[in-house]
Each structure stands twice: as C-alpha cells, then as structure tokens.
Amino acid sequence: MLVAVLADTHLRAGLERLPPPVLRALDAADVILHAGDVVSRAALAELSELAPVHAVSGNNDVELAGLLPPTRSVEIGGVRIGMVHDSGARAGRAGRMRRLFPDAGVVVFGHSHIPWDEEGVDGQLLFNPGSATQRRRQPVCTFGELELGGGRVLSHRIVAL
C-alpha cells in the first residue's frame, strides 16, 4: 500500500495550492494521511475524491471542528499508525508518542512544519511530513510517502519539493 502523508497544508479552498509533484503522489496513493491543519472542508473533500483519507484536527482546523478527531489510530497494510497534530517538544517526544500510541509501529504528526523521519522507542517510526505549502524556516516544502505491506513498513521517505 502506497500512503501519501501530509500535514500543515493550510488550504483555505481546495487543492489548487498543492505543487504538481504532491498532486501526482496523491493521485498514485492508495491512502492519504493528513496530520492536521487541512483548514477547509473543500480541501478535505477534494482529498477524499483522490483516495481514502484519514485525518486528525490541527490547531487551525476551526472550519472542521467536530469532523476530525484530535488523535486517530488506523491500520494500513497490517501496520498500526497513530496520528496526532502536535507531538509536543522534541525533548521527550519518543516516549510521549510510545505512551500515546503503545501499539503503533508508526506515529504521524505535524504542527511544526519540520520534516521528521526517525526511530523512536522500541523501533516506533516517528514521521512528520513537514508542509507541502508553507516551508517556514525549512529550506524547502516537503511531504511524505510510506509503503506498507505484510504488517511492515517497507519504505518511508520525506520528499523535498
């Protein structure tokens, strides 16, 4: 299963602000994960037209209040994935995410706009795709891709735009 991973897209309308490489990745994806700050119902609806979407609410998702949970746990390709928008400070993150999602092999988060692809406690993958639309202090915008199957993470990468 090919999974496109987004966070912090801050799309006030539809998907028109997403760069072409992101749109191509979304079109090829079997599943889309969005770790919060989608911002608009229109963007969430357009994402859902491309592939099944699992999303959590972010601090800017006022228009989506009540539609998205603050945390979510899903299974894709036999891999349990925990999702949250704000994982907190870097210090102590690995332990917090293991406690929040004890059964997850992968935790997807956002909020900081800082891409993150590192092993946490007991091999749990901590994965922040960064932002495909607002790089902030990062050198480039980014998104993420996961390939999952047979209960394993086959590959994971941050894609620089």
Foldseek 3Di string as FASTA:
>chain_A
DKEWEAEQQQDCAADVLFDPVSVVSLQPGQEYEYQENCQDPRHVVVSCVRHHYQYAYDPNNPVCPPPHHQKDWDADQQFIEIGHADQDDPVCSLVSVCVVCVRGLEYEYHDPLDFDFDAGPPRRTYTYLRHSRDNDPHPFHWIKMWDHHPNDTPDIDIDGD
